[in-house]
Amino acid sequence: MAISVIRFQDNATARWGILFGDKVAMLDDAYPTTGDLLRHGQDNLRRLTPADATLPLAQLHILSPVTGNQQVLCQGINYGSHVRESGMDPDKIGFNTIFTKASSSMCGAQDNIIRPAHVRLLDYEIELGLVLGCDLTGPIKAEPDNLHKFLAGVTIVNDISARDVQLPQTQFYKGKSYRSFCPTGPVLVLLDAAEWRRWGELRMQLSVNGVVRQDAHCGEMLFPPHKTLTELSQVHDLFAGDLIATGTPAGCAAVAPGKAVMFIMRHFMTDSTKWRLFTKKGARNPRYLQPGDEVVAAISTEDSAIDLGAQRNRVVAR
């Protein structure tokens, strides 16, 4: 049965617990990191019952369930719909695009998203986050039926992006790593072997000011979790508690211009002119996030048997 693990502020200490409805059962032990909790605290988590849930969720300051010491790895262009809105052909994406995001960009599911003063094209990307359950320091062969051997659970990630930094400067890391650019949580849902086989049924929905912008099922991924784990393990050490953000579907604010415009920009404009026009046009696009906007991101199966909860973040200007 899926277990909703939550991390919250208790006076000056970060504590862990399990969410039962609208109340939280707190663990006695204060594990300092997500990796520590997953390595040493899962048995203690499973001993908690609804009778232990005495803390009202509404009164708690919810923290990211992935702690700042953990790695954040990301997949790009991993949904055909997003590939198309980015001006590319999904049938020609023959490789898994991987990049990193600063762990300091993570924030809680109710925290503000802070738009830096120089950023005008602030975008959103709802993503399914995979959380490692063990250390992978050598090549492994993951399969659709053995994900539970390597992954502990899932969480919601919003990969906030400064498009006017990311694209003109070709700086994915820089454009996506400002502090607060990775709302994570509210919960880390631990899954058993049978539940892991349902990951593709998870439905992602993101709205801005009550208007749905993104709506897709995770099963639409081009490179599913087992392929990504296998590939990453060939080149990169991963550790319990690390986070993999698996890409976003269509519906982002940023979209590629038409083919004719793309041809003109590619062949008749300098890069500086091209990106100046991109930024100028983007400034007129009302879909980019503005201070005061509220972004709500939710992921669950249709039957709610696996429910990752909902983020509710407000955009503020620095």
Protein backbone atom coordinates (compact mmCIF):
# COMPACT_ATOMS: atom_id res chain seq x y z
CA MET A 1 0.00 0.00 0.00
CA ALA A 2 1.31 3.44 -0.95
CA ILE A 3 2.72 5.42 1.99
CA SER A 4 2.68 9.23 1.85
CA VAL A 5 5.82 10.47 3.60
CA ILE A 6 5.88 14.12 4.53
CA ARG A 7 8.66 16.39 5.82
CA PHE A 8 7.76 19.46 7.82
CA GLN A 9 9.14 22.14 10.10
CA ASP A 10 8.77 21.47 13.84
CA ASN A 11 10.09 24.56 15.63
CA ALA A 12 13.73 24.68 14.48
CA THR A 13 13.87 21.04 13.39
CA ALA A 14 12.84 19.30 10.19
CA ARG A 15 10.80 16.19 11.00
CA TRP A 16 9.34 13.29 9.06
CA GLY A 17 5.94 11.67 9.27
CA ILE A 18 3.19 9.90 7.38
CA LEU A 19 0.12 11.66 6.07
CA PHE A 20 -3.19 10.05 7.00
CA GLY A 21 -6.00 12.12 5.52
CA ASP A 22 -5.61 15.64 6.89
CA LYS A 23 -3.39 14.66 9.84
CA VAL A 24 0.23 13.63 10.23
CA ALA A 25 1.82 10.91 12.37
CA MET A 26 5.33 12.06 13.30
CA LEU A 27 8.37 9.82 13.46
CA ASP A 28 10.27 9.94 16.74
CA ASP A 29 13.64 9.89 14.99
CA ALA A 30 14.75 12.98 13.05
CA TYR A 31 16.60 11.62 10.04
CA PRO A 32 18.77 14.42 8.61
CA THR A 33 18.46 13.51 4.92
CA THR A 34 16.09 11.72 2.55
CA GLY A 35 18.80 9.11 1.98
CA ASP A 36 19.09 8.46 5.72
CA LEU A 37 15.33 8.03 6.01
CA LEU A 38 15.16 5.58 3.12
CA ARG A 39 18.18 3.58 4.26
CA HIS A 40 17.36 3.39 7.96
CA GLY A 41 13.85 4.63 8.68
CA GLN A 42 11.40 2.74 6.49
CA ASP A 43 10.58 0.12 9.10
CA ASN A 44 9.81 2.88 11.60
CA LEU A 45 7.59 4.61 9.04
CA ARG A 46 5.58 1.45 8.44
CA ARG A 47 4.88 1.07 12.16
CA LEU A 48 2.94 4.35 12.22
CA THR A 49 -0.85 4.04 12.12
CA PRO A 50 -3.76 6.46 11.72
CA ALA A 51 -4.09 6.41 15.51
CA ASP A 52 -0.67 8.09 15.70
CA ALA A 53 -1.75 10.96 13.46
CA THR A 54 -2.31 13.88 15.80
CA LEU A 55 -0.79 16.84 13.91
CA PRO A 56 -3.20 18.84 11.70
CA LEU A 57 -1.72 19.14 8.23
CA ALA A 58 -3.14 22.64 7.79
CA GLN A 59 -0.99 23.91 10.67
CA LEU A 60 2.32 22.58 9.37
CA HIS A 61 4.98 24.25 7.22
CA ILE A 62 5.61 21.60 4.57
CA LEU A 63 9.20 21.15 3.37
CA SER A 64 10.52 19.42 0.28
CA PRO A 65 10.61 15.66 0.91
CA VAL A 66 13.93 15.57 -0.96
CA THR A 67 16.66 17.18 1.14
CA GLY A 68 19.22 19.62 -0.20
CA ASN A 69 22.15 17.20 -0.10
CA GLN A 70 20.61 14.96 -2.77
CA GLN A 71 21.30 15.13 -6.49
CA VAL A 72 18.65 16.45 -8.90
CA LEU A 73 18.86 14.97 -12.40
CA CYS A 74 16.40 15.81 -15.16
CA GLN A 75 15.15 14.45 -18.45
CA GLY A 76 14.39 16.85 -21.28
CA ILE A 77 12.04 16.48 -24.27
CA ASN A 78 10.68 13.20 -22.86
CA TYR A 79 7.07 13.60 -24.03
CA GLY A 80 6.09 13.63 -27.69
CA SER A 81 3.63 16.47 -27.14
CA HIS A 82 6.35 18.68 -25.62
CA VAL A 83 8.80 17.73 -28.37
CA ARG A 84 6.29 18.92 -30.97
CA GLU A 85 5.57 22.22 -29.22
CA SER A 86 9.35 22.75 -29.07
CA GLY A 87 9.49 22.56 -32.87
CA MET A 88 10.93 19.03 -33.20
CA ASP A 89 9.79 15.62 -34.43
CA PRO A 90 9.36 12.94 -31.71
CA ASP A 91 10.25 10.23 -34.23
CA LYS A 92 13.67 11.81 -34.63
CA ILE A 93 14.49 11.92 -30.90
CA GLY A 94 16.86 8.98 -30.73
CA PHE A 95 18.49 9.72 -27.41
CA ASN A 96 17.59 10.42 -23.81
CA THR A 97 18.36 14.07 -22.94
CA ILE A 98 19.80 14.37 -19.42
CA PHE A 99 20.84 17.48 -17.50
CA THR A 100 21.19 18.53 -13.87
CA LYS A 101 19.50 21.12 -11.72
CA ALA A 102 20.91 22.65 -8.54
CA SER A 103 19.67 20.96 -5.39
CA SER A 104 19.45 24.44 -3.86
CA SER A 105 16.60 25.18 -6.30
CA MET A 106 14.28 22.83 -4.39
CA CYS A 107 11.58 24.35 -2.20
CA GLY A 108 8.39 23.20 -0.53
CA ALA A 109 5.04 22.57 -2.18
CA GLN A 110 3.56 25.70 -0.58
CA ASP A 111 6.56 28.02 -0.82
CA ASN A 112 6.77 31.05 -3.10
CA ILE A 113 8.39 30.83 -6.51
CA ILE A 114 10.75 33.80 -6.62
CA ARG A 115 11.19 35.46 -10.01
CA PRO A 116 14.64 37.14 -10.21
CA ALA A 117 14.57 40.81 -11.18
CA HIS A 118 16.22 40.21 -14.58
CA VAL A 119 13.90 37.34 -15.59
CA ARG A 120 10.80 38.04 -17.66
CA LEU A 121 10.06 34.70 -19.35
CA LEU A 122 9.29 32.49 -16.34
CA ASP A 123 7.87 29.10 -17.31
CA TYR A 124 6.49 26.01 -15.54
CA GLU A 125 6.89 22.26 -16.20
CA ILE A 126 5.02 19.67 -14.16
CA GLU A 127 7.01 16.43 -13.90
CA LEU A 128 6.92 13.07 -12.16
CA GLY A 129 9.87 12.82 -9.78
CA LEU A 130 11.49 9.43 -9.14
CA VAL A 131 13.33 9.02 -5.83
CA LEU A 132 16.11 6.45 -5.55
CA GLY A 133 15.76 3.81 -2.86
CA CYS A 134 19.34 2.54 -2.93
CA ASP A 135 22.83 3.47 -4.05
CA LEU A 136 23.75 2.72 -7.67
CA THR A 137 27.52 2.94 -8.08
CA GLY A 138 27.80 0.68 -11.12
CA PRO A 139 25.82 -0.46 -14.14
CA ILE A 140 22.45 -2.12 -13.54
CA LYS A 141 19.76 -3.50 -15.80
CA ALA A 142 16.39 -2.11 -14.80
CA GLU A 143 13.23 -3.67 -16.22
CA PRO A 144 9.56 -2.60 -16.07
CA ASP A 145 8.91 -5.27 -13.42
CA ASN A 146 11.87 -4.60 -11.10
CA LEU A 147 11.66 -0.84 -10.53
CA HIS A 148 10.95 -1.49 -6.84
CA LYS A 149 14.49 -2.83 -6.45
CA PHE A 150 15.98 0.57 -7.29
CA LEU A 151 13.31 3.21 -6.67
CA ALA A 152 11.65 4.06 -3.36
CA GLY A 153 8.87 6.34 -4.47
CA VAL A 154 7.50 9.23 -6.48
CA THR A 155 6.86 12.91 -5.91
CA ILE A 156 5.72 16.01 -7.82
CA VAL A 157 8.34 18.28 -9.37
CA ASN A 158 7.73 21.65 -11.04
CA ASP A 159 10.78 22.41 -13.18
CA ILE A 160 10.55 26.21 -13.19
CA SER A 161 12.62 27.73 -15.99
CA ALA A 162 13.86 31.19 -16.91
CA ARG A 163 13.52 30.82 -20.68
CA ASP A 164 15.26 34.14 -21.35
CA VAL A 165 18.35 32.70 -19.66
CA GLN A 166 18.07 29.04 -20.61
CA LEU A 167 17.58 29.44 -24.36
CA PRO A 168 19.56 32.54 -25.48
CA GLN A 169 22.52 31.52 -23.33
CA THR A 170 22.07 27.74 -23.94
CA GLN A 171 22.34 27.42 -20.17
CA PHE A 172 19.91 24.73 -19.01
CA TYR A 173 21.56 24.44 -15.59
CA LYS A 174 21.70 28.19 -15.01
CA GLY A 175 18.22 28.93 -16.39
CA LYS A 176 16.61 26.23 -14.24
CA SER A 177 18.59 26.46 -11.01
CA TYR A 178 17.66 29.73 -9.33
CA ARG A 179 16.52 29.26 -5.76
CA SER A 180 12.84 28.22 -5.54
CA PHE A 181 12.86 26.96 -9.17
CA CYS A 182 12.10 23.37 -8.13
CA PRO A 183 8.98 23.05 -5.94
CA THR A 184 9.03 19.41 -4.77
CA GLY A 185 6.39 17.41 -2.91
CA PRO A 186 4.24 17.84 -0.89
CA VAL A 187 4.79 14.13 -0.21
CA LEU A 188 7.11 11.34 -1.20
CA VAL A 189 4.86 8.37 -1.94
CA LEU A 190 6.57 5.05 -1.28
CA LEU A 191 5.39 2.31 -3.65
CA ASP A 192 5.48 -1.47 -3.53
CA ALA A 193 6.25 -3.72 -6.50
CA ALA A 194 2.63 -3.89 -7.71
CA GLU A 195 2.15 -0.12 -7.40
CA TRP A 196 5.30 0.57 -9.41
CA ARG A 197 3.68 -1.23 -12.34
CA ARG A 198 1.03 1.53 -12.34
CA TRP A 199 3.37 4.51 -12.76
CA GLY A 200 2.18 5.07 -16.33
CA GLU A 201 -1.40 5.56 -15.08
CA LEU A 202 -0.43 8.64 -13.09
CA ARG A 203 -2.11 11.74 -14.47
CA MET A 204 -0.34 15.09 -14.27
CA GLN A 205 -2.29 18.34 -14.20
CA LEU A 206 -0.98 21.89 -13.80
CA SER A 207 -3.07 25.04 -13.69
CA VAL A 208 -2.25 28.73 -13.44
CA ASN A 209 -4.84 30.92 -11.71
CA GLY A 210 -7.38 28.11 -12.03
CA VAL A 211 -6.87 27.55 -15.79
CA VAL A 212 -5.48 24.13 -16.75
CA ARG A 213 -2.30 24.43 -18.80
CA GLN A 214 -0.91 20.87 -18.72
CA ASP A 215 -2.80 17.56 -18.57
CA ALA A 216 -1.21 14.23 -19.52
CA HIS A 217 -0.47 10.70 -18.31
CA CYS A 218 3.04 9.68 -17.33
CA GLY A 219 2.79 6.63 -19.59
CA GLU A 220 3.34 8.99 -22.54
CA MET A 221 7.07 9.23 -21.73
CA LEU A 222 9.42 8.50 -24.62
CA PHE A 223 12.08 7.11 -22.28
CA PRO A 224 10.40 5.37 -19.31
CA PRO A 225 11.99 4.95 -15.86
CA HIS A 226 13.61 1.56 -16.41
CA LYS A 227 15.44 2.76 -19.53
CA THR A 228 16.58 5.96 -17.82
CA LEU A 229 17.84 4.13 -14.73
CA THR A 230 19.74 1.65 -16.87
CA GLU A 231 21.34 4.40 -18.94
CA LEU A 232 22.22 6.66 -16.02
CA SER A 233 23.81 3.81 -14.09
CA GLN A 234 26.32 3.35 -16.91
CA VAL A 235 27.79 6.83 -16.42
CA HIS A 236 26.71 8.37 -13.13
CA ASP A 237 26.65 7.32 -9.46
CA LEU A 238 23.22 7.66 -7.87
CA PHE A 239 22.38 7.43 -4.18
CA ALA A 240 19.34 6.72 -2.04
CA GLY A 241 17.20 9.85 -1.90
CA ASP A 242 18.41 11.32 -5.19
CA LEU A 243 15.74 12.78 -7.47
CA ILE A 244 15.15 12.21 -11.18
CA ALA A 245 12.66 14.60 -12.82
CA THR A 246 11.27 12.76 -15.84
CA GLY A 247 10.23 15.52 -18.23
CA THR A 248 7.08 17.47 -18.98
CA PRO A 249 4.20 17.22 -21.47
CA ALA A 250 2.84 19.96 -23.74
CA GLY A 251 1.31 23.12 -22.37
CA CYS A 252 4.32 25.21 -21.37
CA ALA A 253 4.35 28.93 -22.05
CA ALA A 254 7.34 28.65 -24.37
CA VAL A 255 6.54 27.25 -27.82
CA ALA A 256 8.60 27.19 -31.00
CA PRO A 257 7.67 29.60 -33.82
CA GLY A 258 6.30 28.26 -37.11
CA LYS A 259 8.51 26.51 -39.68
CA ALA A 260 8.73 29.57 -41.95
CA VAL A 261 9.81 31.82 -39.10
CA MET A 262 12.28 29.19 -37.89
CA PHE A 263 13.81 29.04 -41.38
CA ILE A 264 14.23 32.81 -41.55
CA MET A 265 15.69 33.00 -38.06
CA ARG A 266 18.12 30.17 -38.72
CA HIS A 267 19.39 31.38 -42.09
CA PHE A 268 19.02 35.17 -42.16
CA MET A 269 19.48 36.40 -38.58
CA THR A 270 22.41 36.59 -36.24
CA ASP A 271 22.03 34.81 -32.92
CA SER A 272 21.87 38.09 -31.04
CA THR A 273 19.04 39.37 -33.28
CA LYS A 274 17.18 36.07 -33.10
CA TRP A 275 17.19 35.93 -29.31
CA ARG A 276 16.40 39.63 -28.93
CA LEU A 277 13.25 39.06 -31.00
CA PHE A 278 12.47 35.89 -29.05
CA THR A 279 12.61 37.76 -25.75
CA LYS A 280 10.63 40.73 -27.10
CA LYS A 281 7.86 38.47 -28.41
CA GLY A 282 7.87 36.39 -25.24
CA ALA A 283 7.31 39.50 -23.14
CA ARG A 284 3.90 39.81 -24.86
CA ASN A 285 2.98 36.19 -24.14
CA PRO A 286 0.45 36.16 -21.25
CA ARG A 287 1.17 32.49 -20.49
CA TYR A 288 4.52 33.24 -18.87
CA LEU A 289 4.28 33.43 -15.09
CA GLN A 290 3.84 36.83 -13.48
CA PRO A 291 4.10 37.97 -9.84
CA GLY A 292 0.83 37.15 -8.11
CA ASP A 293 0.09 34.07 -10.23
CA GLU A 294 -0.83 30.87 -8.39
CA VAL A 295 0.47 27.60 -9.82
CA VAL A 296 -1.22 24.35 -8.77
CA ALA A 297 0.32 21.01 -9.75
CA ALA A 298 -1.22 17.62 -8.94
CA ILE A 299 -0.49 13.99 -9.82
CA SER A 300 -2.57 10.89 -9.07
CA THR A 301 -4.07 7.80 -10.63
CA GLU A 302 -7.69 8.11 -11.74
CA ASP A 303 -8.82 5.94 -8.82
CA SER A 304 -6.67 7.94 -6.34
CA ALA A 305 -5.02 4.74 -5.11
CA ILE A 306 -1.71 6.50 -5.74
CA ASP A 307 -2.08 10.19 -4.90
CA LEU A 308 0.91 12.50 -4.79
CA GLY A 309 -1.15 15.42 -3.50
CA ALA A 310 -0.95 18.95 -4.88
CA GLN A 311 1.49 21.82 -4.90
CA ARG A 312 0.18 25.34 -4.52
CA ASN A 313 2.85 27.97 -5.15
CA ARG A 314 2.56 31.71 -5.67
CA VAL A 315 4.94 33.68 -7.88
CA VAL A 316 6.58 36.70 -6.27
CA ALA A 317 9.07 39.24 -7.61
CA ARG A 318 12.48 39.58 -6.06
